[in-house]
Amino acid sequence: MLVVIGDLVADLIVLRGAALERGTDNPAEVRLTRGGSAANVAVAAAAQHPSRFIGRVGDDTLARALVGELEAAGVDAKVQRRGRTGSIVVLVDAVGERTMITDRGAAAELDDIDPAWLAGADWVHAPLYGFASARSAQAVTDAATRAAAQGARVSLDLSSVATMRALGGEGLRRVLAELRPHVVFANEDEARTAAALGVGPFAVYVVKRGAEPVLVTADGRTSEVPVEKVDDVLDSTGAGDAFAAGFIVAALEGADARQSARAGSVLAMSALRRPGAL
């Protein structure tokens, strides 16, 4: 069982909305979809491997719809319910790049996780967003270390340059020391920020670079894994989460880090051709 701990929120996707003229109408295509990095990973993995999502949502109509969507996708959803479900406005430019306005709502207040929710976990994945507040960070760390003590592997996605900067080098090193992840995922900007903060190296470090080859560091050696170019990128939302899901599922099936990165890139490509996450 892959257990993913983190956010389930609503994404308001605004296609061609990155360049706005102030004070007047700005025509765009607007879609409301399920979002949250952790939820995206759980859904992307569910078609290939048993998947469970753990997080916190509001006690509201929006939460019931989002949780229902997870369950319809085959995800075993375990949620705490209190407060107001979070939402993110995602402004997508002409080449699919995103600018996000975030309100994590209840997701930022994840509390102690029921140990029974970790039953059967063979891998625990956590995006860095879950470490932005002290309460949530403690809940995620306790759950991941508990599962690791029972033999589960752990992965961390650096997820957000803004969150990395808010934690700072000392805070990020503390997260890594407590979590002791087997795999760390980053995109190019996040990798640069980690280096600037003096954080690393990691046991297995996977750096996604868009259309450029993925950099995979394992056993002290770095190699490139080519990716296929996608010419018709619509929206990059959730592509990194799909990559993580593909990588983890392949690794659980016995693939090495390079093979897992290749599987991740294949799944990520499908996310680039649609609005919102998989």
C-alpha atoms as a PDB file:
ATOM      1  CA  MET A   1       0.000   0.000   0.000  1.00  0.00           C
ATOM      2  CA  LEU A   2       1.289   3.441  -1.003  1.00  0.00           C
ATOM      3  CA  VAL A   3       0.293   5.950   1.682  1.00  0.00           C
ATOM      4  CA  VAL A   4       0.424   9.623   0.686  1.00  0.00           C
ATOM      5  CA  ILE A   5       0.085  12.256   3.413  1.00  0.00           C
ATOM      6  CA  GLY A   6      -0.737  15.872   2.650  1.00  0.00           C
ATOM      7  CA  ASP A   7      -3.217  18.185   0.948  1.00  0.00           C
ATOM      8  CA  LEU A   8      -6.575  17.670  -0.717  1.00  0.00           C
ATOM      9  CA  VAL A   9      -7.896  21.006  -2.002  1.00  0.00           C
ATOM     10  CA  ALA A  10      -9.904  22.481  -4.866  1.00  0.00           C
ATOM     11  CA  ASP A  11      -7.919  23.849  -7.827  1.00  0.00           C
ATOM     12  CA  LEU A  12      -9.439  26.697  -9.823  1.00  0.00           C
ATOM     13  CA  ILE A  13      -7.524  26.415 -13.106  1.00  0.00           C
ATOM     14  CA  VAL A  14      -7.401  29.591 -15.216  1.00  0.00           C
ATOM     15  CA  LEU A  15      -6.023  28.732 -18.646  1.00  0.00           C
ATOM     16  CA  ARG A  16      -4.316  31.657 -20.401  1.00  0.00           C
ATOM     17  CA  GLY A  17      -4.690  33.575 -17.155  1.00  0.00           C
ATOM     18  CA  ALA A  18      -1.095  34.415 -16.296  1.00  0.00           C
ATOM     19  CA  ALA A  19      -1.145  37.859 -18.000  1.00  0.00           C
ATOM     20  CA  LEU A  20      -4.050  39.878 -16.637  1.00  0.00           C
ATOM     21  CA  GLU A  21      -5.105  43.424 -17.465  1.00  0.00           C
ATOM     22  CA  ARG A  22      -6.015  45.197 -14.272  1.00  0.00           C
ATOM     23  CA  GLY A  23      -9.446  46.751 -13.822  1.00  0.00           C
ATOM     24  CA  THR A  24     -11.336  45.058 -16.656  1.00  0.00           C
ATOM     25  CA  ASP A  25     -12.575  41.682 -17.928  1.00  0.00           C
ATOM     26  CA  ASN A  26      -9.981  39.056 -18.852  1.00  0.00           C
ATOM     27  CA  PRO A  27     -11.521  36.235 -20.940  1.00  0.00           C
ATOM     28  CA  ALA A  28     -10.100  32.807 -20.043  1.00  0.00           C
ATOM     29  CA  GLU A  29     -11.069  29.164 -19.743  1.00  0.00           C
ATOM     30  CA  VAL A  30     -11.778  28.399 -16.078  1.00  0.00           C
ATOM     31  CA  ARG A  31     -12.118  24.906 -14.615  1.00  0.00           C
ATOM     32  CA  LEU A  32     -12.673  23.671 -11.064  1.00  0.00           C
ATOM     33  CA  THR A  33     -10.772  20.429 -10.398  1.00  0.00           C
ATOM     34  CA  ARG A  34      -9.437  18.303  -7.556  1.00  0.00           C
ATOM     35  CA  GLY A  35      -6.017  19.433  -6.373  1.00  0.00           C
ATOM     36  CA  GLY A  36      -3.388  19.041  -3.685  1.00  0.00           C
ATOM     37  CA  SER A  37      -0.017  17.454  -4.379  1.00  0.00           C
ATOM     38  CA  ALA A  38      -0.576  14.484  -2.080  1.00  0.00           C
ATOM     39  CA  ALA A  39      -4.045  13.763  -3.461  1.00  0.00           C
ATOM     40  CA  ASN A  40      -2.684  13.996  -7.000  1.00  0.00           C
ATOM     41  CA  VAL A  41      -0.005  11.384  -6.274  1.00  0.00           C
ATOM     42  CA  ALA A  42      -2.514   9.034  -4.665  1.00  0.00           C
ATOM     43  CA  VAL A  43      -4.878   9.216  -7.643  1.00  0.00           C
ATOM     44  CA  ALA A  44      -2.108   8.873 -10.241  1.00  0.00           C
ATOM     45  CA  ALA A  45      -0.798   5.757  -8.496  1.00  0.00           C
ATOM     46  CA  ALA A  46      -4.159   4.130  -7.723  1.00  0.00           C
ATOM     47  CA  ALA A  47      -4.641   2.583 -11.164  1.00  0.00           C
ATOM     48  CA  GLN A  48      -1.411   0.609 -10.736  1.00  0.00           C
ATOM     49  CA  HIS A  49      -0.954   0.028  -6.999  1.00  0.00           C
ATOM     50  CA  PRO A  50      -3.157   0.121  -3.869  1.00  0.00           C
ATOM     51  CA  SER A  51      -3.151   3.743  -2.725  1.00  0.00           C
ATOM     52  CA  ARG A  52      -4.294   5.560   0.408  1.00  0.00           C
ATOM     53  CA  PHE A  53      -4.580   9.298   1.015  1.00  0.00           C
ATOM     54  CA  ILE A  54      -4.322  10.802   4.500  1.00  0.00           C
ATOM     55  CA  GLY A  55      -5.106  14.458   5.087  1.00  0.00           C
ATOM     56  CA  ARG A  56      -7.403  17.067   6.582  1.00  0.00           C
ATOM     57  CA  VAL A  57     -10.357  18.758   4.883  1.00  0.00           C
ATOM     58  CA  GLY A  58     -13.143  21.023   6.014  1.00  0.00           C
ATOM     59  CA  ASP A  59     -16.497  19.807   7.241  1.00  0.00           C
ATOM     60  CA  ASP A  60     -18.230  21.187   4.164  1.00  0.00           C
ATOM     61  CA  THR A  61     -19.853  20.316   0.850  1.00  0.00           C
ATOM     62  CA  LEU A  62     -16.659  20.891  -1.122  1.00  0.00           C
ATOM     63  CA  ALA A  63     -14.780  18.360   1.013  1.00  0.00           C
ATOM     64  CA  ARG A  64     -17.436  15.729   0.490  1.00  0.00           C
ATOM     65  CA  ALA A  65     -17.176  16.180  -3.274  1.00  0.00           C
ATOM     66  CA  LEU A  66     -13.366  16.022  -3.258  1.00  0.00           C
ATOM     67  CA  VAL A  67     -13.203  12.954  -1.036  1.00  0.00           C
ATOM     68  CA  GLY A  68     -15.851  11.280  -3.188  1.00  0.00           C
ATOM     69  CA  GLU A  69     -13.725  11.949  -6.252  1.00  0.00           C
ATOM     70  CA  LEU A  70     -10.700  10.316  -4.598  1.00  0.00           C
ATOM     71  CA  GLU A  71     -12.743   7.258  -3.720  1.00  0.00           C
ATOM     72  CA  ALA A  72     -14.185   7.051  -7.232  1.00  0.00           C
ATOM     73  CA  ALA A  73     -10.592   6.949  -8.522  1.00  0.00           C
ATOM     74  CA  GLY A  74      -9.862   3.923  -6.336  1.00  0.00           C
ATOM     75  CA  VAL A  75      -8.076   5.729  -3.505  1.00  0.00           C
ATOM     76  CA  ASP A  76      -8.666   4.678   0.106  1.00  0.00           C
ATOM     77  CA  ALA A  77      -9.274   8.144   1.606  1.00  0.00           C
ATOM     78  CA  LYS A  78      -8.699   8.720   5.326  1.00  0.00           C
ATOM     79  CA  VAL A  79      -9.445  12.299   6.305  1.00  0.00           C
ATOM     80  CA  GLN A  80      -9.790  14.450   9.376  1.00  0.00           C
ATOM     81  CA  ARG A  81     -12.731  16.861   9.016  1.00  0.00           C
ATOM     82  CA  ARG A  82     -12.778  20.297  10.579  1.00  0.00           C
ATOM     83  CA  GLY A  83     -12.839  23.899   9.445  1.00  0.00           C
ATOM     84  CA  ARG A  84     -12.791  25.002   5.809  1.00  0.00           C
ATOM     85  CA  THR A  85     -11.503  23.102   2.787  1.00  0.00           C
ATOM     86  CA  GLY A  86      -8.576  24.782   1.050  1.00  0.00           C
ATOM     87  CA  SER A  87      -8.515  26.181  -2.487  1.00  0.00           C
ATOM     88  CA  ILE A  88      -5.803  27.182  -4.943  1.00  0.00           C
ATOM     89  CA  VAL A  89      -6.100  29.510  -7.932  1.00  0.00           C
ATOM     90  CA  VAL A  90      -3.765  28.271 -10.678  1.00  0.00           C
ATOM     91  CA  LEU A  91      -2.959  30.793 -13.429  1.00  0.00           C
ATOM     92  CA  VAL A  92      -1.629  28.923 -16.474  1.00  0.00           C
ATOM     93  CA  ASP A  93       0.266  30.757 -19.211  1.00  0.00           C
ATOM     94  CA  ALA A  94       0.498  30.000 -22.940  1.00  0.00           C
ATOM     95  CA  VAL A  95       3.252  27.388 -22.491  1.00  0.00           C
ATOM     96  CA  GLY A  96       1.591  25.578 -19.576  1.00  0.00           C
ATOM     97  CA  GLU A  97       3.621  27.140 -16.752  1.00  0.00           C
ATOM     98  CA  ARG A  98       1.739  27.856 -13.537  1.00  0.00           C
ATOM     99  CA  THR A  99       1.496  30.661 -11.013  1.00  0.00           C
ATOM    100  CA  MET A 100      -0.419  29.669  -7.882  1.00  0.00           C
ATOM    101  CA  ILE A 101      -2.380  31.635  -5.296  1.00  0.00           C
ATOM    102  CA  THR A 102      -2.748  29.289  -2.339  1.00  0.00           C
ATOM    103  CA  ASP A 103      -5.138  28.986   0.567  1.00  0.00           C
ATOM    104  CA  ARG A 104      -4.531  25.555   2.108  1.00  0.00           C
ATOM    105  CA  GLY A 105      -7.333  25.960   4.644  1.00  0.00           C
ATOM    106  CA  ALA A 106      -7.874  22.864   6.791  1.00  0.00           C
ATOM    107  CA  ALA A 107      -5.038  21.009   5.039  1.00  0.00           C
ATOM    108  CA  ALA A 108      -2.528  23.165   6.929  1.00  0.00           C
ATOM    109  CA  GLU A 109      -3.948  21.962  10.261  1.00  0.00           C
ATOM    110  CA  LEU A 110      -3.393  18.198   9.930  1.00  0.00           C
ATOM    111  CA  ASP A 111      -3.338  16.714  13.428  1.00  0.00           C
ATOM    112  CA  ASP A 112      -2.101  13.434  14.944  1.00  0.00           C
ATOM    113  CA  ILE A 113      -2.718  10.589  12.497  1.00  0.00           C
ATOM    114  CA  ASP A 114      -4.490   7.439  13.622  1.00  0.00           C
ATOM    115  CA  PRO A 115      -1.868   4.629  13.545  1.00  0.00           C
ATOM    116  CA  ALA A 116      -4.500   2.319  12.063  1.00  0.00           C
ATOM    117  CA  TRP A 117      -4.480   4.491   8.927  1.00  0.00           C
ATOM    118  CA  LEU A 118      -0.903   3.351   8.275  1.00  0.00           C
ATOM    119  CA  ALA A 119      -1.764  -0.362   8.249  1.00  0.00           C
ATOM    120  CA  GLY A 120      -0.197  -2.200   5.319  1.00  0.00           C
ATOM    121  CA  ALA A 121       1.987   0.725   4.210  1.00  0.00           C
ATOM    122  CA  ASP A 122       4.991  -0.326   2.126  1.00  0.00           C
ATOM    123  CA  TRP A 123       5.788   3.247   1.029  1.00  0.00           C
ATOM    124  CA  VAL A 124       4.943   6.640   2.560  1.00  0.00           C
ATOM    125  CA  HIS A 125       5.188   9.758   0.385  1.00  0.00           C
ATOM    126  CA  ALA A 126       4.977  13.317   1.701  1.00  0.00           C
ATOM    127  CA  PRO A 127       5.149  16.645  -0.164  1.00  0.00           C
ATOM    128  CA  LEU A 128       6.994  19.419   1.687  1.00  0.00           C
ATOM    129  CA  TYR A 129       3.781  21.466   1.986  1.00  0.00           C
ATOM    130  CA  GLY A 130       2.886  19.296   4.973  1.00  0.00           C
ATOM    131  CA  PHE A 131       5.870  20.679   6.885  1.00  0.00           C
ATOM    132  CA  ALA A 132       4.895  24.343   6.553  1.00  0.00           C
ATOM    133  CA  SER A 133       3.226  24.404   9.992  1.00  0.00           C
ATOM    134  CA  ALA A 134       4.576  22.851  13.193  1.00  0.00           C
ATOM    135  CA  ARG A 135       1.453  20.813  13.967  1.00  0.00           C
ATOM    136  CA  SER A 136       1.207  19.297  10.505  1.00  0.00           C
ATOM    137  CA  ALA A 137       4.964  18.677  10.343  1.00  0.00           C
ATOM    138  CA  GLN A 138       4.866  16.713  13.576  1.00  0.00           C
ATOM    139  CA  ALA A 139       1.882  14.651  12.418  1.00  0.00           C
ATOM    140  CA  VAL A 140       3.530  13.768   9.090  1.00  0.00           C
ATOM    141  CA  THR A 141       6.903  13.006  10.688  1.00  0.00           C
ATOM    142  CA  ASP A 142       5.398  10.781  13.379  1.00  0.00           C
ATOM    143  CA  ALA A 143       3.365   8.837  10.815  1.00  0.00           C
ATOM    144  CA  ALA A 144       6.245   8.391   8.367  1.00  0.00           C
ATOM    145  CA  THR A 145       8.746   7.296  11.013  1.00  0.00           C
ATOM    146  CA  ARG A 146       6.185   4.890  12.493  1.00  0.00           C
ATOM    147  CA  ALA A 147       5.632   3.313   9.076  1.00  0.00           C
ATOM    148  CA  ALA A 148       9.385   3.217   8.374  1.00  0.00           C
ATOM    149  CA  ALA A 149       9.932   1.308  11.626  1.00  0.00           C
ATOM    150  CA  GLN A 150       7.564  -1.331  10.185  1.00  0.00           C
ATOM    151  CA  GLY A 151       9.600  -1.581   6.977  1.00  0.00           C
ATOM    152  CA  ALA A 152       8.015   1.064   4.718  1.00  0.00           C
ATOM    153  CA  ARG A 153      10.155   3.228   2.464  1.00  0.00           C
ATOM    154  CA  VAL A 154       9.717   7.000   2.678  1.00  0.00           C
ATOM    155  CA  SER A 155       9.937   9.700  -0.012  1.00  0.00           C
ATOM    156  CA  LEU A 156       9.799  13.484   0.189  1.00  0.00           C
ATOM    157  CA  ASP A 157       8.937  15.921  -2.598  1.00  0.00           C
ATOM    158  CA  LEU A 158      10.511  19.347  -2.068  1.00  0.00           C
ATOM    159  CA  SER A 159       7.382  20.667  -3.797  1.00  0.00           C
ATOM    160  CA  SER A 160       7.670  24.417  -3.289  1.00  0.00           C
ATOM    161  CA  VAL A 161      10.490  26.952  -3.399  1.00  0.00           C
ATOM    162  CA  ALA A 162       8.410  29.268  -1.204  1.00  0.00           C
ATOM    163  CA  THR A 163       8.030  26.569   1.465  1.00  0.00           C
ATOM    164  CA  MET A 164      11.738  25.741   1.275  1.00  0.00           C
ATOM    165  CA  ARG A 165      12.665  29.400   1.800  1.00  0.00           C
ATOM    166  CA  ALA A 166      10.220  29.731   4.691  1.00  0.00           C
ATOM    167  CA  LEU A 167      11.785  26.703   6.412  1.00  0.00           C
ATOM    168  CA  GLY A 168      15.316  27.875   5.661  1.00  0.00           C
ATOM    169  CA  GLY A 169      18.363  25.643   5.522  1.00  0.00           C
ATOM    170  CA  GLU A 170      18.218  24.712   9.198  1.00  0.00           C
ATOM    171  CA  GLY A 171      14.521  23.886   9.119  1.00  0.00           C
ATOM    172  CA  LEU A 172      14.830  21.843   5.939  1.00  0.00           C
ATOM    173  CA  ARG A 173      17.792  19.900   7.310  1.00  0.00           C
ATOM    174  CA  ARG A 174      15.752  19.155  10.431  1.00  0.00           C
ATOM    175  CA  VAL A 175      12.884  17.777   8.324  1.00  0.00           C
ATOM    176  CA  LEU A 176      15.293  15.542   6.410  1.00  0.00           C
ATOM    177  CA  ALA A 177      17.062  14.358   9.556  1.00  0.00           C
ATOM    178  CA  GLU A 178      13.781  13.364  11.191  1.00  0.00           C
ATOM    179  CA  LEU A 179      12.145  11.892   8.095  1.00  0.00           C
ATOM    180  CA  ARG A 180      15.263  10.162   6.664  1.00  0.00           C
ATOM    181  CA  PRO A 181      13.692   9.736   3.203  1.00  0.00           C
ATOM    182  CA  HIS A 182      14.912   6.998   0.882  1.00  0.00           C
ATOM    183  CA  VAL A 183      14.068   9.201  -2.145  1.00  0.00           C
ATOM    184  CA  VAL A 184      13.884  12.990  -2.537  1.00  0.00           C
ATOM    185  CA  PHE A 185      12.129  14.537  -5.557  1.00  0.00           C
ATOM    186  CA  ALA A 186      12.707  18.093  -6.820  1.00  0.00           C
ATOM    187  CA  ASN A 187      12.284  20.167  -9.923  1.00  0.00           C
ATOM    188  CA  GLU A 188      15.098  22.349 -11.241  1.00  0.00           C
ATOM    189  CA  ASP A 189      14.141  25.448  -9.237  1.00  0.00           C
ATOM    190  CA  GLU A 190      13.763  23.432  -6.041  1.00  0.00           C
ATOM    191  CA  ALA A 191      17.119  21.739  -6.611  1.00  0.00           C
ATOM    192  CA  ARG A 192      18.787  25.142  -7.036  1.00  0.00           C
ATOM    193  CA  THR A 193      17.150  26.378  -3.846  1.00  0.00           C
ATOM    194  CA  ALA A 194      18.263  23.283  -1.924  1.00  0.00           C
ATOM    195  CA  ALA A 195      21.826  23.871  -3.081  1.00  0.00           C
ATOM    196  CA  ALA A 196      21.656  27.558  -2.104  1.00  0.00           C
ATOM    197  CA  LEU A 197      20.395  26.553   1.345  1.00  0.00           C
ATOM    198  CA  GLY A 198      23.243  24.058   1.695  1.00  0.00           C
ATOM    199  CA  VAL A 199      20.908  21.061   1.869  1.00  0.00           C
ATOM    200  CA  GLY A 200      21.936  17.626   0.561  1.00  0.00           C
ATOM    201  CA  PRO A 201      23.169  15.173  -0.582  1.00  0.00           C
ATOM    202  CA  PHE A 202      20.340  12.622  -0.460  1.00  0.00           C
ATOM    203  CA  ALA A 203      20.341   8.811  -0.696  1.00  0.00           C
ATOM    204  CA  VAL A 204      18.423   8.882  -3.984  1.00  0.00           C
ATOM    205  CA  TYR A 205      17.879  12.328  -5.487  1.00  0.00           C
ATOM    206  CA  VAL A 206      15.627  12.778  -8.524  1.00  0.00           C
ATOM    207  CA  VAL A 207      15.605  16.168 -10.255  1.00  0.00           C
ATOM    208  CA  LYS A 208      12.978  16.811 -12.943  1.00  0.00           C
ATOM    209  CA  ARG A 209      13.979  19.359 -15.588  1.00  0.00           C
ATOM    210  CA  GLY A 210      10.995  19.697 -17.896  1.00  0.00           C
ATOM    211  CA  ALA A 211      11.911  18.545 -21.404  1.00  0.00           C
ATOM    212  CA  GLU A 212      15.539  17.982 -20.376  1.00  0.00           C
ATOM    213  CA  PRO A 213      16.719  14.585 -19.058  1.00  0.00           C
ATOM    214  CA  VAL A 214      15.892  13.757 -15.452  1.00  0.00           C
ATOM    215  CA  LEU A 215      18.937  13.748 -13.182  1.00  0.00           C
ATOM    216  CA  VAL A 216      19.072  10.669 -10.942  1.00  0.00           C
ATOM    217  CA  THR A 217      21.656  10.458  -8.170  1.00  0.00           C
ATOM    218  CA  ALA A 218      21.999   7.064  -6.505  1.00  0.00           C
ATOM    219  CA  ASP A 219      24.928   5.297  -4.842  1.00  0.00           C
ATOM    220  CA  GLY A 220      26.939   8.492  -5.167  1.00  0.00           C
ATOM    221  CA  ARG A 221      26.629   8.651  -8.968  1.00  0.00           C
ATOM    222  CA  THR A 222      24.507  11.005 -11.085  1.00  0.00           C
ATOM    223  CA  SER A 223      23.108   9.940 -14.461  1.00  0.00           C
ATOM    224  CA  GLU A 224      20.644  11.329 -16.975  1.00  0.00           C
ATOM    225  CA  VAL A 225      17.357   9.677 -17.902  1.00  0.00           C
ATOM    226  CA  PRO A 226      16.001  11.019 -21.227  1.00  0.00           C
ATOM    227  CA  VAL A 227      12.366  12.100 -21.466  1.00  0.00           C
ATOM    228  CA  GLU A 228      10.149  12.363 -24.500  1.00  0.00           C
ATOM    229  CA  LYS A 229       9.349  15.893 -25.611  1.00  0.00           C
ATOM    230  CA  VAL A 230       5.708  16.965 -25.345  1.00  0.00           C
ATOM    231  CA  ASP A 231       4.879  19.629 -27.946  1.00  0.00           C
ATOM    232  CA  ASP A 232       1.238  20.167 -27.021  1.00  0.00           C
ATOM    233  CA  VAL A 233       1.589  21.080 -23.336  1.00  0.00           C
ATOM    234  CA  LEU A 234      -1.728  22.392 -22.025  1.00  0.00           C
ATOM    235  CA  ASP A 235      -1.116  22.612 -18.270  1.00  0.00           C
ATOM    236  CA  SER A 236       1.796  21.403 -16.133  1.00  0.00           C
ATOM    237  CA  THR A 237      -0.391  21.130 -13.010  1.00  0.00           C
ATOM    238  CA  GLY A 238       0.134  17.740 -11.390  1.00  0.00           C
ATOM    239  CA  ALA A 239       2.873  16.578 -13.790  1.00  0.00           C
ATOM    240  CA  GLY A 240       5.442  16.384 -10.995  1.00  0.00           C
ATOM    241  CA  ASP A 241       2.960  14.496  -8.823  1.00  0.00           C
ATOM    242  CA  ALA A 242       2.277  12.035 -11.636  1.00  0.00           C
ATOM    243  CA  PHE A 243       6.046  11.586 -12.013  1.00  0.00           C
ATOM    244  CA  ALA A 244       6.380  10.762  -8.307  1.00  0.00           C
ATOM    245  CA  ALA A 245       3.517   8.254  -8.546  1.00  0.00           C
ATOM    246  CA  GLY A 246       5.047   6.513 -11.565  1.00  0.00           C
ATOM    247  CA  PHE A 247       8.478   6.407  -9.937  1.00  0.00           C
ATOM    248  CA  ILE A 248       7.178   4.991  -6.644  1.00  0.00           C
ATOM    249  CA  VAL A 249       5.007   2.313  -8.248  1.00  0.00           C
ATOM    250  CA  ALA A 250       7.920   1.164 -10.432  1.00  0.00           C
ATOM    251  CA  ALA A 251      10.254   1.098  -7.418  1.00  0.00           C
ATOM    252  CA  LEU A 252       7.738  -0.960  -5.441  1.00  0.00           C
ATOM    253  CA  GLU A 253       7.733  -3.439  -8.326  1.00  0.00           C
ATOM    254  CA  GLY A 254      11.524  -3.805  -8.096  1.00  0.00           C
ATOM    255  CA  ALA A 255      12.783  -1.241 -10.637  1.00  0.00           C
ATOM    256  CA  ASP A 256      16.028   0.591  -9.952  1.00  0.00           C
ATOM    257  CA  ALA A 257      16.185   4.393  -9.675  1.00  0.00           C
ATOM    258  CA  ARG A 258      16.822   4.979 -13.400  1.00  0.00           C
ATOM    259  CA  GLN A 259      14.036   2.614 -14.473  1.00  0.00           C
ATOM    260  CA  SER A 260      11.703   4.199 -11.927  1.00  0.00           C
ATOM    261  CA  ALA A 261      12.513   7.684 -13.254  1.00  0.00           C
ATOM    262  CA  ARG A 262      11.669   6.531 -16.759  1.00  0.00           C
ATOM    263  CA  ALA A 263       8.308   5.180 -15.555  1.00  0.00           C
ATOM    264  CA  GLY A 264       7.675   8.471 -13.778  1.00  0.00           C
ATOM    265  CA  SER A 265       8.359  10.527 -16.890  1.00  0.00           C
ATOM    266  CA  VAL A 266       5.950   8.427 -18.956  1.00  0.00           C
ATOM    267  CA  LEU A 267       3.105   9.006 -16.484  1.00  0.00           C
ATOM    268  CA  ALA A 268       3.960  12.710 -16.187  1.00  0.00           C
ATOM    269  CA  MET A 269       3.560  13.179 -19.955  1.00  0.00           C
ATOM    270  CA  SER A 270      -0.135  12.309 -19.766  1.00  0.00           C
ATOM    271  CA  ALA A 271      -0.657  15.038 -17.146  1.00  0.00           C
ATOM    272  CA  LEU A 272       0.805  17.692 -19.446  1.00  0.00           C
ATOM    273  CA  ARG A 273      -1.921  17.217 -22.044  1.00  0.00           C
ATOM    274  CA  ARG A 274      -4.921  18.001 -19.836  1.00  0.00           C
ATOM    275  CA  PRO A 275      -6.046  20.815 -17.528  1.00  0.00           C
ATOM    276  CA  GLY A 276      -5.590  20.051 -13.841  1.00  0.00           C
ATOM    277  CA  ALA A 277      -4.019  16.962 -12.311  1.00  0.00           C
ATOM    278  CA  LEU A 278      -4.616  13.346 -13.333  1.00  0.00           C
END
